Amino acid sequence: NYTYIRTSHIGERPFACDKCSSSFSRKHDLKRHEKLHTGVRPYVCKICNKSYTRSDALARHLKSEPG
């Protein structure tokens, strides 16, 4: 697949964030990044109330949270 070769091996990053200078090789990664700019943090730790934009970040936090 030529698109895969361009983005992964050549380093082309055609998906640019319009709010900052970040760019991405995959549209999915741009969409995930854009959530950082909205301020919405729906994933909340029930132990300490710290919130995250992504579920994997909360899961990582929970592994390090005592109790």
PDB file of N, CA and C in Angstrom:
ATOM      1  N   ASN A   1       0.842  -1.172   0.000  1.00  0.00           N
ATOM      2  CA  ASN A   1       0.000   0.000   0.000  1.00  0.00           C
ATOM      3  C   ASN A   1       0.890   1.240   0.000  1.00  0.00           C
ATOM      4  N   TYR A   2       0.768   2.050  -1.039  1.00  0.00           N
ATOM      5  CA  TYR A   2       1.629   3.222  -1.203  1.00  0.00           C
ATOM      6  C   TYR A   2       1.431   4.261  -0.100  1.00  0.00           C
ATOM      7  N   THR A   3       0.209   4.458   0.358  1.00  0.00           N
ATOM      8  CA  THR A   3      -0.047   5.418   1.437  1.00  0.00           C
ATOM      9  C   THR A   3       0.700   5.018   2.697  1.00  0.00           C
ATOM     10  N   TYR A   4       0.691   3.737   3.019  1.00  0.00           N
ATOM     11  CA  TYR A   4       1.421   3.245   4.191  1.00  0.00           C
ATOM     12  C   TYR A   4       2.911   3.524   4.051  1.00  0.00           C
ATOM     13  N   ILE A   5       3.456   3.270   2.879  1.00  0.00           N
ATOM     14  CA  ILE A   5       4.887   3.510   2.650  1.00  0.00           C
ATOM     15  C   ILE A   5       5.212   4.988   2.811  1.00  0.00           C
ATOM     16  N   ARG A   6       4.391   5.864   2.234  1.00  0.00           N
ATOM     17  CA  ARG A   6       4.644   7.307   2.331  1.00  0.00           C
ATOM     18  C   ARG A   6       4.626   7.783   3.771  1.00  0.00           C
ATOM     19  N   THR A   7       3.656   7.327   4.541  1.00  0.00           N
ATOM     20  CA  THR A   7       3.516   7.851   5.899  1.00  0.00           C
ATOM     21  C   THR A   7       4.450   7.188   6.890  1.00  0.00           C
ATOM     22  N   SER A   8       4.704   5.901   6.744  1.00  0.00           N
ATOM     23  CA  SER A   8       5.520   5.221   7.746  1.00  0.00           C
ATOM     24  C   SER A   8       7.001   5.213   7.413  1.00  0.00           C
ATOM     25  N   HIS A   9       7.362   5.081   6.156  1.00  0.00           N
ATOM     26  CA  HIS A   9       8.772   4.968   5.798  1.00  0.00           C
ATOM     27  C   HIS A   9       9.377   6.292   5.329  1.00  0.00           C
ATOM     28  N   ILE A  10       8.615   7.093   4.648  1.00  0.00           N
ATOM     29  CA  ILE A  10       9.117   8.379   4.169  1.00  0.00           C
ATOM     30  C   ILE A  10       8.899   9.455   5.227  1.00  0.00           C
ATOM     31  N   GLY A  11       7.941   9.237   6.104  1.00  0.00           N
ATOM     32  CA  GLY A  11       7.688  10.181   7.189  1.00  0.00           C
ATOM     33  C   GLY A  11       6.709  11.283   6.848  1.00  0.00           C
ATOM     34  N   GLU A  12       5.947  11.109   5.800  1.00  0.00           N
ATOM     35  CA  GLU A  12       4.946  12.107   5.433  1.00  0.00           C
ATOM     36  C   GLU A  12       3.890  12.199   6.528  1.00  0.00           C
ATOM     37  N   ARG A  13       3.517  13.436   6.887  1.00  0.00           N
ATOM     38  CA  ARG A  13       2.530  13.666   7.942  1.00  0.00           C
ATOM     39  C   ARG A  13       1.478  14.645   7.409  1.00  0.00           C
ATOM     40  N   PRO A  14       0.555  14.140   6.603  1.00  0.00           N
ATOM     41  CA  PRO A  14      -0.386  15.020   5.913  1.00  0.00           C
ATOM     42  C   PRO A  14      -1.538  15.561   6.763  1.00  0.00           C
ATOM     43  N   PHE A  15      -1.712  15.058   7.970  1.00  0.00           N
ATOM     44  CA  PHE A  15      -2.839  15.485   8.805  1.00  0.00           C
ATOM     45  C   PHE A  15      -2.341  16.449   9.873  1.00  0.00           C
ATOM     46  N   ALA A  16      -2.601  17.733   9.665  1.00  0.00           N
ATOM     47  CA  ALA A  16      -2.085  18.775  10.547  1.00  0.00           C
ATOM     48  C   ALA A  16      -3.178  19.323  11.454  1.00  0.00           C
ATOM     49  N   CYS A  17      -2.801  19.577  12.691  1.00  0.00           N
ATOM     50  CA  CYS A  17      -3.710  20.199  13.656  1.00  0.00           C
ATOM     51  C   CYS A  17      -3.815  21.682  13.327  1.00  0.00           C
ATOM     52  N   ASP A  18      -5.024  22.209  13.297  1.00  0.00           N
ATOM     53  CA  ASP A  18      -5.191  23.634  13.003  1.00  0.00           C
ATOM     54  C   ASP A  18      -5.086  24.511  14.248  1.00  0.00           C
ATOM     55  N   LYS A  19      -4.829  23.895  15.402  1.00  0.00           N
ATOM     56  CA  LYS A  19      -4.709  24.653  16.647  1.00  0.00           C
ATOM     57  C   LYS A  19      -3.269  24.746  17.148  1.00  0.00           C
ATOM     58  N   CYS A  20      -2.400  23.875  16.648  1.00  0.00           N
ATOM     59  CA  CYS A  20      -0.992  23.899  17.052  1.00  0.00           C
ATOM     60  C   CYS A  20      -0.142  23.378  15.894  1.00  0.00           C
ATOM     61  N   SER A  21       1.121  23.197  16.122  1.00  0.00           N
ATOM     62  CA  SER A  21       2.021  22.796  15.036  1.00  0.00           C
ATOM     63  C   SER A  21       2.153  21.285  14.865  1.00  0.00           C
ATOM     64  N   SER A  22       1.368  20.495  15.558  1.00  0.00           N
ATOM     65  CA  SER A  22       1.461  19.038  15.458  1.00  0.00           C
ATOM     66  C   SER A  22       0.894  18.537  14.132  1.00  0.00           C
ATOM     67  N   SER A  23       1.505  17.477  13.614  1.00  0.00           N
ATOM     68  CA  SER A  23       0.977  16.825  12.417  1.00  0.00           C
ATOM     69  C   SER A  23       1.143  15.318  12.572  1.00  0.00           C
ATOM     70  N   PHE A  24       0.335  14.579  11.815  1.00  0.00           N
ATOM     71  CA  PHE A  24       0.246  13.137  12.011  1.00  0.00           C
ATOM     72  C   PHE A  24       0.190  12.409  10.681  1.00  0.00           C
ATOM     73  N   SER A  25       0.635  11.171  10.696  1.00  0.00           N
ATOM     74  CA  SER A  25       0.602  10.359   9.481  1.00  0.00           C
ATOM     75  C   SER A  25      -0.766   9.716   9.271  1.00  0.00           C
ATOM     76  N   ARG A  26      -1.553   9.611  10.338  1.00  0.00           N
ATOM     77  CA  ARG A  26      -2.876   8.994  10.231  1.00  0.00           C
ATOM     78  C   ARG A  26      -3.958   9.946  10.744  1.00  0.00           C
ATOM     79  N   LYS A  27      -5.079   9.967  10.062  1.00  0.00           N
ATOM     80  CA  LYS A  27      -6.197  10.826  10.448  1.00  0.00           C
ATOM     81  C   LYS A  27      -6.686  10.480  11.853  1.00  0.00           C
ATOM     82  N   HIS A  28      -6.692   9.186  12.172  1.00  0.00           N
ATOM     83  CA  HIS A  28      -7.120   8.733  13.496  1.00  0.00           C
ATOM     84  C   HIS A  28      -6.285   9.396  14.598  1.00  0.00           C
ATOM     85  N   ASP A  29      -4.986   9.501  14.378  1.00  0.00           N
ATOM     86  CA  ASP A  29      -4.113  10.116  15.379  1.00  0.00           C
ATOM     87  C   ASP A  29      -4.397  11.606  15.532  1.00  0.00           C
ATOM     88  N   LEU A  30      -4.709  12.284  14.428  1.00  0.00           N
ATOM     89  CA  LEU A  30      -5.083  13.697  14.503  1.00  0.00           C
ATOM     90  C   LEU A  30      -6.367  13.860  15.305  1.00  0.00           C
ATOM     91  N   LYS A  31      -7.362  13.034  15.039  1.00  0.00           N
ATOM     92  CA  LYS A  31      -8.636  13.126  15.768  1.00  0.00           C
ATOM     93  C   LYS A  31      -8.423  12.916  17.265  1.00  0.00           C
ATOM     94  N   ARG A  32      -7.583  11.961  17.615  1.00  0.00           N
ATOM     95  CA  ARG A  32      -7.279  11.705  19.024  1.00  0.00           C
ATOM     96  C   ARG A  32      -6.567  12.915  19.635  1.00  0.00           C
ATOM     97  N   HIS A  33      -5.638  13.501  18.904  1.00  0.00           N
ATOM     98  CA  HIS A  33      -4.906  14.672  19.378  1.00  0.00           C
ATOM     99  C   HIS A  33      -5.829  15.875  19.576  1.00  0.00           C
ATOM    100  N   GLU A  34      -6.773  16.075  18.678  1.00  0.00           N
ATOM    101  CA  GLU A  34      -7.663  17.236  18.742  1.00  0.00           C
ATOM    102  C   GLU A  34      -8.438  17.305  20.052  1.00  0.00           C
ATOM    103  N   LYS A  35      -8.660  16.169  20.687  1.00  0.00           N
ATOM    104  CA  LYS A  35      -9.368  16.155  21.965  1.00  0.00           C
ATOM    105  C   LYS A  35      -8.597  16.916  23.041  1.00  0.00           C
ATOM    106  N   LEU A  36      -7.289  17.024  22.894  1.00  0.00           N
ATOM    107  CA  LEU A  36      -6.483  17.763  23.869  1.00  0.00           C
ATOM    108  C   LEU A  36      -6.870  19.237  23.907  1.00  0.00           C
ATOM    109  N   HIS A  37      -7.290  19.767  22.768  1.00  0.00           N
ATOM    110  CA  HIS A  37      -7.606  21.187  22.669  1.00  0.00           C
ATOM    111  C   HIS A  37      -9.023  21.526  23.128  1.00  0.00           C
ATOM    112  N   THR A  38      -9.886  20.543  23.282  1.00  0.00           N
ATOM    113  CA  THR A  38     -11.279  20.823  23.645  1.00  0.00           C
ATOM    114  C   THR A  38     -11.458  21.046  25.143  1.00  0.00           C
ATOM    115  N   GLY A  39     -10.541  20.497  25.932  1.00  0.00           N
ATOM    116  CA  GLY A  39     -10.673  20.593  27.383  1.00  0.00           C
ATOM    117  C   GLY A  39     -11.572  19.522  27.977  1.00  0.00           C
ATOM    118  N   VAL A  40     -12.193  18.701  27.133  1.00  0.00           N
ATOM    119  CA  VAL A  40     -13.066  17.630  27.609  1.00  0.00           C
ATOM    120  C   VAL A  40     -12.198  16.477  28.093  1.00  0.00           C
ATOM    121  N   ARG A  41     -12.424  16.058  29.327  1.00  0.00           N
ATOM    122  CA  ARG A  41     -11.648  14.979  29.939  1.00  0.00           C
ATOM    123  C   ARG A  41     -12.625  14.005  30.591  1.00  0.00           C
ATOM    124  N   PRO A  42     -13.232  13.123  29.788  1.00  0.00           N
ATOM    125  CA  PRO A  42     -14.317  12.284  30.291  1.00  0.00           C
ATOM    126  C   PRO A  42     -13.893  11.085  31.136  1.00  0.00           C
ATOM    127  N   TYR A  43     -12.613  10.756  31.156  1.00  0.00           N
ATOM    128  CA  TYR A  43     -12.152   9.570  31.888  1.00  0.00           C
ATOM    129  C   TYR A  43     -11.580  10.003  33.228  1.00  0.00           C
ATOM    130  N   VAL A  44     -12.292   9.699  34.313  1.00  0.00           N
ATOM    131  CA  VAL A  44     -11.958  10.207  35.644  1.00  0.00           C
ATOM    132  C   VAL A  44     -11.612   9.063  36.590  1.00  0.00           C
ATOM    133  N   CYS A  45     -10.534   9.234  37.333  1.00  0.00           N
ATOM    134  CA  CYS A  45     -10.141   8.266  38.350  1.00  0.00           C
ATOM    135  C   CYS A  45     -11.101   8.386  39.528  1.00  0.00           C
ATOM    136  N   LYS A  46     -11.678   7.278  39.944  1.00  0.00           N
ATOM    137  CA  LYS A  46     -12.621   7.284  41.064  1.00  0.00           C
ATOM    138  C   LYS A  46     -11.914   7.391  42.408  1.00  0.00           C
ATOM    139  N   ILE A  47     -10.597   7.222  42.405  1.00  0.00           N
ATOM    140  CA  ILE A  47      -9.835   7.301  43.651  1.00  0.00           C
ATOM    141  C   ILE A  47      -9.392   8.734  43.945  1.00  0.00           C
ATOM    142  N   CYS A  48      -8.842   9.413  42.930  1.00  0.00           N
ATOM    143  CA  CYS A  48      -8.270  10.744  43.183  1.00  0.00           C
ATOM    144  C   CYS A  48      -8.908  11.861  42.358  1.00  0.00           C
ATOM    145  N   ASN A  49      -9.868  11.529  41.506  1.00  0.00           N
ATOM    146  CA  ASN A  49     -10.578  12.493  40.659  1.00  0.00           C
ATOM    147  C   ASN A  49      -9.739  13.119  39.551  1.00  0.00           C
ATOM    148  N   LYS A  50      -8.539  12.621  39.295  1.00  0.00           N
ATOM    149  CA  LYS A  50      -7.758  13.118  38.170  1.00  0.00           C
ATOM    150  C   LYS A  50      -8.451  12.667  36.889  1.00  0.00           C
ATOM    151  N   SER A  51      -8.490  13.540  35.877  1.00  0.00           N
ATOM    152  CA  SER A  51      -9.205  13.212  34.649  1.00  0.00           C
ATOM    153  C   SER A  51      -8.270  13.183  33.446  1.00  0.00           C
ATOM    154  N   TYR A  52      -8.713  12.471  32.415  1.00  0.00           N
ATOM    155  CA  TYR A  52      -7.905  12.241  31.223  1.00  0.00           C
ATOM    156  C   TYR A  52      -8.754  12.353  29.969  1.00  0.00           C
ATOM    157  N   THR A  53      -8.110  12.666  28.857  1.00  0.00           N
ATOM    158  CA  THR A  53      -8.810  12.742  27.575  1.00  0.00           C
ATOM    159  C   THR A  53      -8.955  11.374  26.933  1.00  0.00           C
ATOM    160  N   ARG A  54      -8.113  10.421  27.349  1.00  0.00           N
ATOM    161  CA  ARG A  54      -8.111   9.094  26.732  1.00  0.00           C
ATOM    162  C   ARG A  54      -8.234   7.998  27.777  1.00  0.00           C
ATOM    163  N   SER A  55      -8.940   6.933  27.406  1.00  0.00           N
ATOM    164  CA  SER A  55      -9.146   5.821  28.336  1.00  0.00           C
ATOM    165  C   SER A  55      -7.845   5.094  28.654  1.00  0.00           C
ATOM    166  N   ASP A  56      -6.929   5.018  27.694  1.00  0.00           N
ATOM    167  CA  ASP A  56      -5.668   4.328  27.959  1.00  0.00           C
ATOM    168  C   ASP A  56      -4.809   5.092  28.962  1.00  0.00           C
ATOM    169  N   ALA A  57      -4.915   6.402  28.985  1.00  0.00           N
ATOM    170  CA  ALA A  57      -4.180   7.197  29.968  1.00  0.00           C
ATOM    171  C   ALA A  57      -4.731   6.940  31.373  1.00  0.00           C
ATOM    172  N   LEU A  58      -6.047   6.844  31.494  1.00  0.00           N
ATOM    173  CA  LEU A  58      -6.646   6.513  32.786  1.00  0.00           C
ATOM    174  C   LEU A  58      -6.226   5.113  33.223  1.00  0.00           C
ATOM    175  N   ALA A  59      -6.231   4.164  32.314  1.00  0.00           N
ATOM    176  CA  ALA A  59      -5.828   2.792  32.655  1.00  0.00           C
ATOM    177  C   ALA A  59      -4.387   2.756  33.147  1.00  0.00           C
ATOM    178  N   ARG A  60      -3.505   3.506  32.493  1.00  0.00           N
ATOM    179  CA  ARG A  60      -2.105   3.577  32.916  1.00  0.00           C
ATOM    180  C   ARG A  60      -2.005   4.190  34.316  1.00  0.00           C
ATOM    181  N   HIS A  61      -2.778   5.235  34.560  1.00  0.00           N
ATOM    182  CA  HIS A  61      -2.809   5.889  35.867  1.00  0.00           C
ATOM    183  C   HIS A  61      -3.281   4.914  36.947  1.00  0.00           C
ATOM    184  N   LEU A  62      -4.331   4.159  36.650  1.00  0.00           N
ATOM    185  CA  LEU A  62      -4.887   3.235  37.639  1.00  0.00           C
ATOM    186  C   LEU A  62      -3.893   2.150  38.034  1.00  0.00           C
ATOM    187  N   LYS A  63      -3.019   1.766  37.117  1.00  0.00           N
ATOM    188  CA  LYS A  63      -1.996   0.771  37.440  1.00  0.00           C
ATOM    189  C   LYS A  63      -0.985   1.315  38.440  1.00  0.00           C
ATOM    190  N   SER A  64      -0.785   2.632  38.440  1.00  0.00           N
ATOM    191  CA  SER A  64       0.196   3.230  39.348  1.00  0.00           C
ATOM    192  C   SER A  64      -0.440   3.798  40.616  1.00  0.00           C
ATOM    193  N   GLU A  65      -1.764   3.862  40.655  1.00  0.00           N
ATOM    194  CA  GLU A  65      -2.487   4.427  41.807  1.00  0.00           C
ATOM    195  C   GLU A  65      -2.503   3.425  42.963  1.00  0.00           C
ATOM    196  N   PRO A  66      -2.019   3.823  44.133  1.00  0.00           N
ATOM    197  CA  PRO A  66      -2.082   2.901  45.275  1.00  0.00           C
ATOM    198  C   PRO A  66      -3.525   2.667  45.724  1.00  0.00           C
ATOM    199  N   GLY A  67      -3.802   1.462  46.142  1.00  0.00           N
ATOM    200  CA  GLY A  67      -5.136   1.149  46.647  1.00  0.00           C
ATOM    201  C   GLY A  67      -5.945   0.553  45.590  1.00  0.00           C
TER     202      GLY A  67
END
